[in-house]
């Protein structure tokens, strides 16, 4: 008889039900983007990976951090990018350095005021991408990244909602006590 709490499947380090759901959410996100011509699924897939938690509560927290941070970092990045190009229409790398410093401080203050400190890291990522890796159409680029992140997070939340751990354990017969209970019925 299988010991309680030990999976029936072959142990693969780090691979569990959450891993499977994370991979499924990222894959479903990329599949959706197949039907959105001209759209790149990268940030949506990142949102799906960041949005997957061990349960719905953790998914909401992880996904919320990612989405909230992306929105705040995106808008701060847009404002700073506009400021740089107001003074330097062709851009100026050295001018971006104090803007980055100011942007990170603003990001930390805003997420702190909103009592959402988990938004600092994803917000900092988006802020840096906008300042240092933005194509000429920066406004649409930044907004697209915000939307893409939201799409990925929503798909991760949907996967976690539709496939809670208890349901997967039952469907995949990973808990021998479930099998024994079913057999006794």
N, C-alpha and C. Protein backbone atom coordinates (compact mmCIF):
# COMPACT_ATOMS: atom_id res chain seq x y z
N UNK A 1 0.85 -1.18 0.00
CA UNK A 1 0.00 0.00 0.00
C UNK A 1 0.89 1.24 0.00
N UNK A 2 0.47 2.25 -0.74
CA UNK A 2 1.19 3.52 -0.85
C UNK A 2 1.09 4.29 0.46
N UNK A 3 2.22 4.89 0.87
CA UNK A 3 2.20 5.71 2.09
C UNK A 3 1.40 6.99 1.83
N UNK A 4 0.62 7.45 2.82
CA UNK A 4 -0.14 8.70 2.64
C UNK A 4 0.80 9.87 2.37
N UNK A 5 0.38 10.74 1.47
CA UNK A 5 1.16 11.94 1.17
C UNK A 5 2.25 11.73 0.14
N UNK A 6 2.47 10.50 -0.30
CA UNK A 6 3.48 10.25 -1.32
C UNK A 6 2.78 9.98 -2.64
N UNK A 7 3.19 10.67 -3.71
CA UNK A 7 2.51 10.49 -4.98
C UNK A 7 2.71 9.08 -5.53
N UNK A 8 1.72 8.61 -6.27
CA UNK A 8 1.78 7.30 -6.89
C UNK A 8 2.69 7.33 -8.11
N UNK A 9 2.72 8.48 -8.79
CA UNK A 9 3.51 8.58 -10.01
C UNK A 9 5.01 8.60 -9.68
N UNK A 10 5.82 8.36 -10.67
CA UNK A 10 7.28 8.34 -10.49
C UNK A 10 7.74 9.72 -10.05
N UNK A 11 8.57 9.78 -9.01
CA UNK A 11 9.02 11.08 -8.51
C UNK A 11 10.02 11.75 -9.47
N UNK A 12 9.67 12.94 -9.87
CA UNK A 12 10.56 13.77 -10.68
C UNK A 12 10.77 15.03 -9.88
N UNK A 13 11.99 15.33 -9.50
CA UNK A 13 12.23 16.50 -8.63
C UNK A 13 11.59 17.78 -9.17
N UNK A 14 10.80 18.41 -8.33
CA UNK A 14 10.19 19.69 -8.68
C UNK A 14 8.95 19.60 -9.53
N UNK A 15 8.58 18.40 -9.98
CA UNK A 15 7.42 18.27 -10.85
C UNK A 15 6.24 17.75 -10.05
N UNK A 16 5.23 18.56 -9.98
CA UNK A 16 4.01 18.18 -9.26
C UNK A 16 2.81 18.73 -10.00
N UNK A 17 1.68 18.72 -9.35
CA UNK A 17 0.45 19.18 -10.00
C UNK A 17 0.51 20.67 -10.35
N UNK A 18 1.10 21.47 -9.47
CA UNK A 18 1.23 22.90 -9.77
C UNK A 18 2.09 23.10 -11.02
N UNK A 19 3.13 22.30 -11.17
CA UNK A 19 3.99 22.40 -12.36
C UNK A 19 3.20 22.08 -13.62
N UNK A 20 2.38 21.06 -13.55
CA UNK A 20 1.57 20.67 -14.70
C UNK A 20 0.58 21.79 -15.03
N UNK A 21 -0.06 22.36 -14.01
CA UNK A 21 -1.02 23.45 -14.25
C UNK A 21 -0.32 24.69 -14.79
N UNK A 22 0.89 24.96 -14.33
CA UNK A 22 1.65 26.11 -14.84
C UNK A 22 1.96 25.92 -16.32
N UNK A 23 2.43 24.74 -16.67
CA UNK A 23 2.73 24.44 -18.08
C UNK A 23 1.47 24.52 -18.93
N UNK A 24 0.36 24.01 -18.41
CA UNK A 24 -0.91 24.06 -19.13
C UNK A 24 -1.35 25.51 -19.35
N UNK A 25 -1.27 26.33 -18.31
CA UNK A 25 -1.67 27.74 -18.43
C UNK A 25 -0.82 28.47 -19.47
N UNK A 26 0.49 28.26 -19.44
CA UNK A 26 1.38 28.91 -20.41
C UNK A 26 1.07 28.44 -21.82
N UNK A 27 0.83 27.14 -21.98
CA UNK A 27 0.54 26.59 -23.30
C UNK A 27 -0.80 27.08 -23.83
N UNK A 28 -1.82 27.12 -22.98
CA UNK A 28 -3.12 27.64 -23.41
C UNK A 28 -3.01 29.12 -23.80
N UNK A 29 -2.20 29.85 -23.07
CA UNK A 29 -1.98 31.27 -23.39
C UNK A 29 -1.34 31.41 -24.76
N UNK A 30 -0.30 30.64 -25.02
CA UNK A 30 0.37 30.69 -26.33
C UNK A 30 -0.59 30.25 -27.43
N UNK A 31 -1.43 29.26 -27.15
CA UNK A 31 -2.42 28.81 -28.13
C UNK A 31 -3.40 29.93 -28.46
N UNK A 32 -3.86 30.64 -27.45
CA UNK A 32 -4.76 31.77 -27.69
C UNK A 32 -4.11 32.79 -28.63
N UNK A 33 -2.83 33.07 -28.43
CA UNK A 33 -2.14 34.07 -29.23
C UNK A 33 -1.92 33.62 -30.68
N UNK A 34 -2.09 32.33 -30.94
CA UNK A 34 -2.05 31.84 -32.32
C UNK A 34 -3.17 32.48 -33.12
N UNK A 35 -4.29 32.80 -32.44
CA UNK A 35 -5.45 33.39 -33.10
C UNK A 35 -5.46 34.92 -33.03
N UNK A 36 -4.37 35.50 -32.54
CA UNK A 36 -4.25 36.96 -32.46
C UNK A 36 -3.07 37.39 -33.33
N UNK A 37 -3.29 37.51 -34.63
CA UNK A 37 -2.18 37.81 -35.55
C UNK A 37 -1.43 39.09 -35.16
N UNK A 38 -0.14 39.03 -35.26
CA UNK A 38 0.69 40.18 -34.96
C UNK A 38 0.99 40.37 -33.49
N UNK A 39 0.45 39.53 -32.65
CA UNK A 39 0.67 39.64 -31.20
C UNK A 39 1.71 38.61 -30.78
N UNK A 40 2.56 39.02 -29.87
CA UNK A 40 3.60 38.14 -29.34
C UNK A 40 3.15 37.63 -27.97
N UNK A 41 3.14 36.31 -27.75
CA UNK A 41 2.63 35.77 -26.49
C UNK A 41 3.61 35.82 -25.32
N UNK A 42 4.80 36.32 -25.52
CA UNK A 42 5.84 36.24 -24.49
C UNK A 42 5.37 36.76 -23.14
N UNK A 43 4.90 37.99 -23.09
CA UNK A 43 4.52 38.58 -21.80
C UNK A 43 3.26 37.95 -21.23
N UNK A 44 2.38 37.49 -22.10
CA UNK A 44 1.19 36.79 -21.62
C UNK A 44 1.58 35.46 -20.99
N UNK A 45 2.53 34.76 -21.61
CA UNK A 45 3.00 33.49 -21.04
C UNK A 45 3.71 33.73 -19.70
N UNK A 46 4.48 34.79 -19.63
CA UNK A 46 5.13 35.13 -18.36
C UNK A 46 4.06 35.42 -17.31
N UNK A 47 3.02 36.14 -17.69
CA UNK A 47 1.91 36.40 -16.77
C UNK A 47 1.25 35.11 -16.29
N UNK A 48 1.12 34.14 -17.20
CA UNK A 48 0.52 32.85 -16.83
C UNK A 48 1.41 32.11 -15.83
N UNK A 49 2.71 32.13 -16.06
CA UNK A 49 3.63 31.44 -15.14
C UNK A 49 3.63 32.12 -13.77
N UNK A 50 3.70 33.45 -13.76
CA UNK A 50 3.70 34.18 -12.50
C UNK A 50 2.34 34.09 -11.80
N UNK A 51 1.29 33.92 -12.59
CA UNK A 51 -0.05 33.90 -12.02
C UNK A 51 -0.47 32.58 -11.40
N UNK A 52 0.33 31.55 -11.58
CA UNK A 52 -0.05 30.24 -11.04
C UNK A 52 0.47 30.11 -9.62
N UNK A 53 -0.45 29.82 -8.72
CA UNK A 53 -0.08 29.57 -7.33
C UNK A 53 -0.48 28.16 -6.95
N UNK A 54 -0.20 27.79 -5.73
CA UNK A 54 -0.52 26.44 -5.28
C UNK A 54 -2.02 26.24 -5.13
N UNK A 55 -2.77 27.32 -4.95
CA UNK A 55 -4.23 27.26 -4.86
C UNK A 55 -4.77 28.60 -5.35
N UNK A 56 -6.08 28.78 -5.35
CA UNK A 56 -6.67 30.01 -5.87
C UNK A 56 -6.20 31.24 -5.10
N UNK A 57 -6.10 31.12 -3.79
CA UNK A 57 -5.67 32.27 -2.99
C UNK A 57 -4.26 32.70 -3.39
N UNK A 58 -3.35 31.73 -3.51
CA UNK A 58 -1.98 32.06 -3.91
C UNK A 58 -1.91 32.53 -5.36
N UNK A 59 -2.76 31.98 -6.21
CA UNK A 59 -2.80 32.43 -7.61
C UNK A 59 -3.26 33.88 -7.68
N UNK A 60 -4.28 34.21 -6.91
CA UNK A 60 -4.76 35.60 -6.91
C UNK A 60 -3.67 36.54 -6.41
N UNK A 61 -2.94 36.12 -5.39
CA UNK A 61 -1.86 36.95 -4.86
C UNK A 61 -0.73 37.07 -5.88
N UNK A 62 -0.26 35.95 -6.42
CA UNK A 62 0.84 35.98 -7.39
C UNK A 62 0.44 36.71 -8.66
N UNK A 63 -0.73 36.37 -9.19
CA UNK A 63 -1.20 37.02 -10.41
C UNK A 63 -1.49 38.49 -10.18
N UNK A 64 -2.07 38.80 -9.03
CA UNK A 64 -2.35 40.20 -8.70
C UNK A 64 -1.07 41.00 -8.59
N UNK A 65 -0.04 40.44 -7.95
CA UNK A 65 1.25 41.12 -7.86
C UNK A 65 1.80 41.41 -9.25
N UNK A 66 1.75 40.41 -10.12
CA UNK A 66 2.28 40.57 -11.47
C UNK A 66 1.50 41.63 -12.23
N UNK A 67 0.18 41.53 -12.20
CA UNK A 67 -0.64 42.45 -12.97
C UNK A 67 -0.55 43.87 -12.43
N UNK A 68 -0.70 44.02 -11.10
CA UNK A 68 -0.64 45.35 -10.50
C UNK A 68 0.72 46.00 -10.74
N UNK A 69 1.80 45.24 -10.50
CA UNK A 69 3.14 45.76 -10.72
C UNK A 69 3.36 46.16 -12.17
N UNK A 70 2.84 45.36 -13.09
CA UNK A 70 2.99 45.66 -14.52
C UNK A 70 2.27 46.96 -14.87
N UNK A 71 1.09 47.15 -14.34
CA UNK A 71 0.33 48.37 -14.62
C UNK A 71 1.06 49.60 -14.07
N UNK A 72 1.47 49.54 -12.81
CA UNK A 72 2.15 50.69 -12.20
C UNK A 72 3.48 50.95 -12.90
N UNK A 73 4.28 49.90 -13.06
CA UNK A 73 5.57 50.06 -13.74
C UNK A 73 5.41 50.53 -15.17
N UNK A 74 4.36 50.06 -15.83
CA UNK A 74 4.11 50.46 -17.21
C UNK A 74 3.79 51.94 -17.33
N UNK A 75 2.92 52.43 -16.47
CA UNK A 75 2.57 53.85 -16.55
C UNK A 75 3.73 54.76 -16.12
N UNK A 76 4.47 54.35 -15.11
CA UNK A 76 5.66 55.13 -14.72
C UNK A 76 6.67 55.12 -15.85
N UNK A 77 6.88 53.94 -16.44
CA UNK A 77 7.82 53.83 -17.57
C UNK A 77 7.40 54.70 -18.74
N UNK A 78 6.11 54.73 -19.03
CA UNK A 78 5.62 55.58 -20.12
C UNK A 78 5.90 57.05 -19.85
N UNK A 79 5.63 57.48 -18.64
CA UNK A 79 5.85 58.89 -18.29
C UNK A 79 7.33 59.25 -18.40
N UNK A 80 8.19 58.36 -17.90
CA UNK A 80 9.62 58.65 -17.94
C UNK A 80 10.17 58.58 -19.36
N UNK A 81 9.67 57.66 -20.14
CA UNK A 81 10.07 57.56 -21.55
C UNK A 81 9.69 58.84 -22.28
N UNK A 82 8.47 59.32 -22.02
CA UNK A 82 8.01 60.58 -22.64
C UNK A 82 8.89 61.75 -22.20
N UNK A 83 9.26 61.78 -20.92
CA UNK A 83 10.13 62.85 -20.42
C UNK A 83 11.48 62.82 -21.13
N UNK A 84 12.06 61.62 -21.25
CA UNK A 84 13.35 61.50 -21.93
C UNK A 84 13.25 62.04 -23.36
N UNK A 85 12.21 61.64 -24.08
CA UNK A 85 12.10 62.03 -25.48
C UNK A 85 11.61 63.47 -25.66
N UNK A 86 11.11 64.07 -24.61
CA UNK A 86 10.81 65.50 -24.66
C UNK A 86 12.13 66.28 -24.70
N UNK A 87 13.08 65.88 -23.84
CA UNK A 87 14.36 66.57 -23.78
C UNK A 87 15.35 66.06 -24.84
N UNK A 88 15.27 64.81 -25.17
CA UNK A 88 16.17 64.19 -26.14
C UNK A 88 15.36 63.35 -27.12
N UNK A 89 14.86 63.97 -28.20
CA UNK A 89 13.99 63.25 -29.14
C UNK A 89 14.59 61.94 -29.67
N UNK A 90 15.89 61.88 -29.79
CA UNK A 90 16.53 60.65 -30.28
C UNK A 90 16.88 59.71 -29.13
N UNK A 91 16.60 60.11 -27.91
CA UNK A 91 16.93 59.29 -26.75
C UNK A 91 18.31 59.62 -26.21
N UNK A 92 18.54 59.31 -24.94
CA UNK A 92 19.84 59.58 -24.31
C UNK A 92 20.02 58.58 -23.16
N UNK A 93 20.92 57.65 -23.37
CA UNK A 93 21.13 56.58 -22.39
C UNK A 93 21.50 57.13 -21.01
N UNK A 94 22.41 58.09 -20.97
CA UNK A 94 22.84 58.64 -19.67
C UNK A 94 21.69 59.32 -18.94
N UNK A 95 20.78 59.96 -19.69
CA UNK A 95 19.63 60.59 -19.06
C UNK A 95 18.67 59.55 -18.48
N UNK A 96 18.65 58.36 -19.09
CA UNK A 96 17.79 57.29 -18.60
C UNK A 96 18.20 56.79 -17.21
N UNK A 97 19.46 56.91 -16.87
CA UNK A 97 19.93 56.39 -15.59
C UNK A 97 19.25 57.08 -14.41
N UNK A 98 19.26 58.43 -14.33
CA UNK A 98 18.51 59.04 -13.22
C UNK A 98 17.00 58.81 -13.35
N UNK A 99 16.50 58.68 -14.59
CA UNK A 99 15.08 58.38 -14.76
C UNK A 99 14.75 57.00 -14.19
N UNK A 100 15.62 56.05 -14.41
CA UNK A 100 15.42 54.71 -13.86
C UNK A 100 15.41 54.77 -12.34
N UNK A 101 16.37 55.49 -11.77
CA UNK A 101 16.43 55.64 -10.31
C UNK A 101 15.13 56.24 -9.79
N UNK A 102 14.71 57.34 -10.40
CA UNK A 102 13.47 58.01 -10.01
C UNK A 102 12.27 57.07 -10.19
N UNK A 103 12.26 56.36 -11.30
CA UNK A 103 11.15 55.45 -11.58
C UNK A 103 11.02 54.34 -10.56
N UNK A 104 12.14 53.74 -10.17
CA UNK A 104 12.10 52.67 -9.17
C UNK A 104 11.62 53.22 -7.83
N UNK A 105 12.09 54.41 -7.46
CA UNK A 105 11.63 55.03 -6.21
C UNK A 105 10.12 55.28 -6.28
N UNK A 106 9.65 55.86 -7.39
CA UNK A 106 8.22 56.11 -7.55
C UNK A 106 7.42 54.80 -7.48
N UNK A 107 7.92 53.78 -8.13
CA UNK A 107 7.26 52.48 -8.12
C UNK A 107 7.11 51.96 -6.70
N UNK A 108 8.19 52.01 -5.94
CA UNK A 108 8.16 51.51 -4.57
C UNK A 108 7.18 52.33 -3.72
N UNK A 109 7.17 53.63 -3.91
CA UNK A 109 6.26 54.50 -3.15
C UNK A 109 4.80 54.18 -3.51
N UNK A 110 4.52 54.08 -4.81
CA UNK A 110 3.13 53.84 -5.24
C UNK A 110 2.63 52.48 -4.74
N UNK A 111 3.42 51.42 -4.94
CA UNK A 111 2.93 50.11 -4.48
C UNK A 111 2.87 50.06 -2.96
N UNK A 112 3.75 50.81 -2.30
CA UNK A 112 3.69 50.89 -0.84
C UNK A 112 2.43 51.59 -0.37
N UNK A 113 2.08 52.70 -1.02
CA UNK A 113 0.86 53.42 -0.67
C UNK A 113 -0.39 52.56 -0.93
N UNK A 114 -0.31 51.74 -1.94
CA UNK A 114 -1.43 50.85 -2.27
C UNK A 114 -1.39 49.56 -1.45
N UNK A 115 -0.38 49.43 -0.60
CA UNK A 115 -0.21 48.24 0.24
C UNK A 115 -0.14 46.96 -0.59
N UNK A 116 0.65 47.04 -1.67
CA UNK A 116 0.82 45.90 -2.56
C UNK A 116 2.30 45.73 -2.89
N UNK A 117 3.13 45.44 -1.87
CA UNK A 117 4.58 45.39 -2.08
C UNK A 117 5.03 44.32 -3.06
N UNK A 118 4.21 43.30 -3.30
CA UNK A 118 4.58 42.26 -4.26
C UNK A 118 4.61 42.77 -5.69
N UNK A 119 4.16 43.99 -5.92
CA UNK A 119 4.19 44.56 -7.26
C UNK A 119 5.50 45.20 -7.64
N UNK A 120 6.44 45.32 -6.68
CA UNK A 120 7.71 45.99 -6.97
C UNK A 120 8.50 45.25 -8.04
N UNK A 121 8.72 43.95 -7.88
CA UNK A 121 9.56 43.22 -8.82
C UNK A 121 8.98 43.21 -10.24
N UNK A 122 7.73 42.81 -10.44
CA UNK A 122 7.23 42.84 -11.81
C UNK A 122 7.13 44.26 -12.37
N UNK A 123 6.83 45.23 -11.51
CA UNK A 123 6.78 46.61 -11.96
C UNK A 123 8.15 47.11 -12.40
N UNK A 124 9.17 46.71 -11.65
CA UNK A 124 10.54 47.09 -12.02
C UNK A 124 10.98 46.48 -13.34
N UNK A 125 10.52 45.26 -13.59
CA UNK A 125 10.84 44.60 -14.86
C UNK A 125 10.24 45.40 -16.01
N UNK A 126 8.96 45.72 -15.92
CA UNK A 126 8.28 46.43 -17.00
C UNK A 126 8.86 47.83 -17.16
N UNK A 127 9.12 48.51 -16.06
CA UNK A 127 9.73 49.84 -16.10
C UNK A 127 11.06 49.79 -16.85
N UNK A 128 11.89 48.83 -16.53
CA UNK A 128 13.20 48.70 -17.19
C UNK A 128 13.05 48.36 -18.67
N UNK A 129 12.11 47.49 -18.99
CA UNK A 129 11.89 47.14 -20.40
C UNK A 129 11.45 48.36 -21.19
N UNK A 130 10.56 49.15 -20.62
CA UNK A 130 10.08 50.34 -21.34
C UNK A 130 11.21 51.34 -21.52
N UNK A 131 12.01 51.55 -20.49
CA UNK A 131 13.09 52.53 -20.60
C UNK A 131 14.22 52.08 -21.52
N UNK A 132 14.53 50.80 -21.52
CA UNK A 132 15.73 50.35 -22.23
C UNK A 132 15.47 49.48 -23.45
N UNK A 133 14.23 49.09 -23.68
CA UNK A 133 13.98 48.16 -24.78
C UNK A 133 12.65 48.46 -25.48
N UNK A 134 12.32 49.72 -25.60
CA UNK A 134 11.03 50.07 -26.17
C UNK A 134 11.16 50.45 -27.63
N UNK A 135 10.31 49.88 -28.47
CA UNK A 135 10.30 50.28 -29.87
C UNK A 135 9.72 51.69 -30.03
N UNK A 136 9.80 52.24 -31.23
CA UNK A 136 9.34 53.62 -31.44
C UNK A 136 7.91 53.90 -30.99
N UNK A 137 7.01 52.95 -31.12
CA UNK A 137 5.61 53.18 -30.73
C UNK A 137 5.44 52.76 -29.27
N UNK A 138 6.07 53.52 -28.40
CA UNK A 138 6.17 53.14 -26.99
C UNK A 138 4.83 53.05 -26.26
N UNK A 139 3.89 53.90 -26.59
CA UNK A 139 2.63 53.89 -25.86
C UNK A 139 1.88 52.58 -26.13
N UNK A 140 1.73 52.24 -27.39
CA UNK A 140 1.02 50.99 -27.69
C UNK A 140 1.80 49.78 -27.19
N UNK A 141 3.12 49.86 -27.24
CA UNK A 141 3.95 48.75 -26.75
C UNK A 141 3.70 48.52 -25.26
N UNK A 142 3.75 49.59 -24.48
CA UNK A 142 3.57 49.47 -23.03
C UNK A 142 2.16 48.99 -22.70
N UNK A 143 1.18 49.53 -23.37
CA UNK A 143 -0.20 49.11 -23.11
C UNK A 143 -0.41 47.65 -23.51
N UNK A 144 0.17 47.26 -24.64
CA UNK A 144 0.09 45.85 -25.05
C UNK A 144 0.70 44.93 -24.00
N UNK A 145 1.82 45.33 -23.40
CA UNK A 145 2.44 44.49 -22.38
C UNK A 145 1.54 44.36 -21.16
N UNK A 146 0.87 45.45 -20.80
CA UNK A 146 -0.06 45.40 -19.66
C UNK A 146 -1.22 44.46 -19.96
N UNK A 147 -1.78 44.58 -21.16
CA UNK A 147 -2.90 43.72 -21.54
C UNK A 147 -2.44 42.26 -21.60
N UNK A 148 -1.28 42.02 -22.24
CA UNK A 148 -0.77 40.65 -22.35
C UNK A 148 -0.58 40.01 -20.99
N UNK A 149 -0.02 40.76 -20.06
CA UNK A 149 0.18 40.23 -18.71
C UNK A 149 -1.16 39.86 -18.09
N UNK A 150 -2.14 40.74 -18.25
CA UNK A 150 -3.48 40.46 -17.72
C UNK A 150 -4.09 39.21 -18.33
N UNK A 151 -3.91 39.01 -19.63
CA UNK A 151 -4.44 37.81 -20.29
C UNK A 151 -3.80 36.56 -19.68
N UNK A 152 -2.48 36.56 -19.55
CA UNK A 152 -1.80 35.40 -18.98
C UNK A 152 -2.22 35.12 -17.56
N UNK A 153 -2.33 36.16 -16.76
CA UNK A 153 -2.76 35.99 -15.37
C UNK A 153 -4.17 35.42 -15.32
N UNK A 154 -5.07 35.95 -16.14
CA UNK A 154 -6.45 35.45 -16.16
C UNK A 154 -6.51 33.97 -16.57
N UNK A 155 -5.70 33.58 -17.53
CA UNK A 155 -5.69 32.17 -17.94
C UNK A 155 -5.16 31.30 -16.80
N UNK A 156 -4.12 31.75 -16.11
CA UNK A 156 -3.60 30.99 -14.97
C UNK A 156 -4.67 30.86 -13.88
N UNK A 157 -5.37 31.94 -13.61
CA UNK A 157 -6.44 31.87 -12.60
C UNK A 157 -7.55 30.91 -13.04
N UNK A 158 -7.90 30.94 -14.31
CA UNK A 158 -8.94 30.04 -14.81
C UNK A 158 -8.50 28.58 -14.69
N UNK A 159 -7.25 28.29 -15.07
CA UNK A 159 -6.75 26.92 -14.96
C UNK A 159 -6.77 26.47 -13.50
N UNK A 160 -6.31 27.33 -12.61
CA UNK A 160 -6.27 26.95 -11.19
C UNK A 160 -7.68 26.81 -10.62
N UNK A 161 -8.61 27.61 -11.09
CA UNK A 161 -9.99 27.51 -10.63
C UNK A 161 -10.65 26.23 -11.13
N UNK A 162 -10.44 25.95 -12.41
CA UNK A 162 -11.07 24.77 -13.02
C UNK A 162 -10.40 23.46 -12.63
N UNK A 163 -9.12 23.53 -12.27
CA UNK A 163 -8.37 22.31 -11.93
C UNK A 163 -7.74 22.42 -10.54
N UNK A 164 -8.55 22.53 -9.50
CA UNK A 164 -7.96 22.58 -8.16
C UNK A 164 -7.27 21.25 -7.85
N UNK A 165 -6.35 21.29 -6.94
CA UNK A 165 -5.55 20.12 -6.59
C UNK A 165 -6.42 18.89 -6.29
N UNK A 166 -7.47 19.08 -5.51
CA UNK A 166 -8.32 17.95 -5.13
C UNK A 166 -8.94 17.27 -6.35
N UNK A 167 -9.35 18.06 -7.32
CA UNK A 167 -9.95 17.50 -8.54
C UNK A 167 -8.91 16.73 -9.34
N UNK A 168 -7.72 17.29 -9.49
CA UNK A 168 -6.67 16.60 -10.24
C UNK A 168 -6.25 15.30 -9.57
N UNK A 169 -6.13 15.34 -8.25
CA UNK A 169 -5.76 14.13 -7.51
C UNK A 169 -6.81 13.04 -7.76
N UNK A 170 -8.07 13.44 -7.75
CA UNK A 170 -9.16 12.48 -7.97
C UNK A 170 -9.12 11.96 -9.41
N UNK A 171 -9.01 12.86 -10.38
CA UNK A 171 -9.02 12.47 -11.79
C UNK A 171 -7.83 11.60 -12.17
N UNK A 172 -6.67 11.96 -11.64
CA UNK A 172 -5.45 11.24 -12.00
C UNK A 172 -5.17 10.05 -11.09
N UNK A 173 -6.05 9.84 -10.13
CA UNK A 173 -5.90 8.71 -9.20
C UNK A 173 -4.53 8.73 -8.53
N UNK A 174 -4.13 9.90 -8.04
CA UNK A 174 -2.83 10.03 -7.39
C UNK A 174 -2.90 9.71 -5.91
N UNK A 175 -4.08 9.61 -5.37
CA UNK A 175 -4.24 9.31 -3.95
C UNK A 175 -4.88 7.93 -3.82
N UNK A 176 -4.13 6.96 -3.32
CA UNK A 176 -4.66 5.60 -3.23
C UNK A 176 -5.93 5.51 -2.40
N UNK A 177 -6.08 6.38 -1.40
CA UNK A 177 -7.28 6.32 -0.57
C UNK A 177 -8.51 6.68 -1.39
N UNK A 178 -8.35 7.53 -2.42
CA UNK A 178 -9.45 7.88 -3.29
C UNK A 178 -9.87 6.64 -4.09
N UNK A 179 -8.86 5.92 -4.61
CA UNK A 179 -9.14 4.71 -5.38
C UNK A 179 -9.86 3.69 -4.50
N UNK A 180 -9.36 3.51 -3.28
CA UNK A 180 -9.95 2.53 -2.37
C UNK A 180 -11.39 2.93 -2.03
N UNK A 181 -11.63 4.20 -1.80
CA UNK A 181 -12.97 4.68 -1.48
C UNK A 181 -13.90 4.46 -2.67
N UNK A 182 -13.41 4.76 -3.88
CA UNK A 182 -14.22 4.55 -5.07
C UNK A 182 -14.54 3.09 -5.28
N UNK A 183 -13.57 2.21 -5.01
CA UNK A 183 -13.74 0.77 -5.22
C UNK A 183 -14.78 0.20 -4.22
N UNK A 184 -14.85 0.82 -3.04
CA UNK A 184 -15.76 0.33 -2.02
C UNK A 184 -17.21 0.71 -2.31
N UNK A 185 -17.41 1.68 -3.18
CA UNK A 185 -18.79 2.16 -3.47
C UNK A 185 -19.51 1.17 -4.34
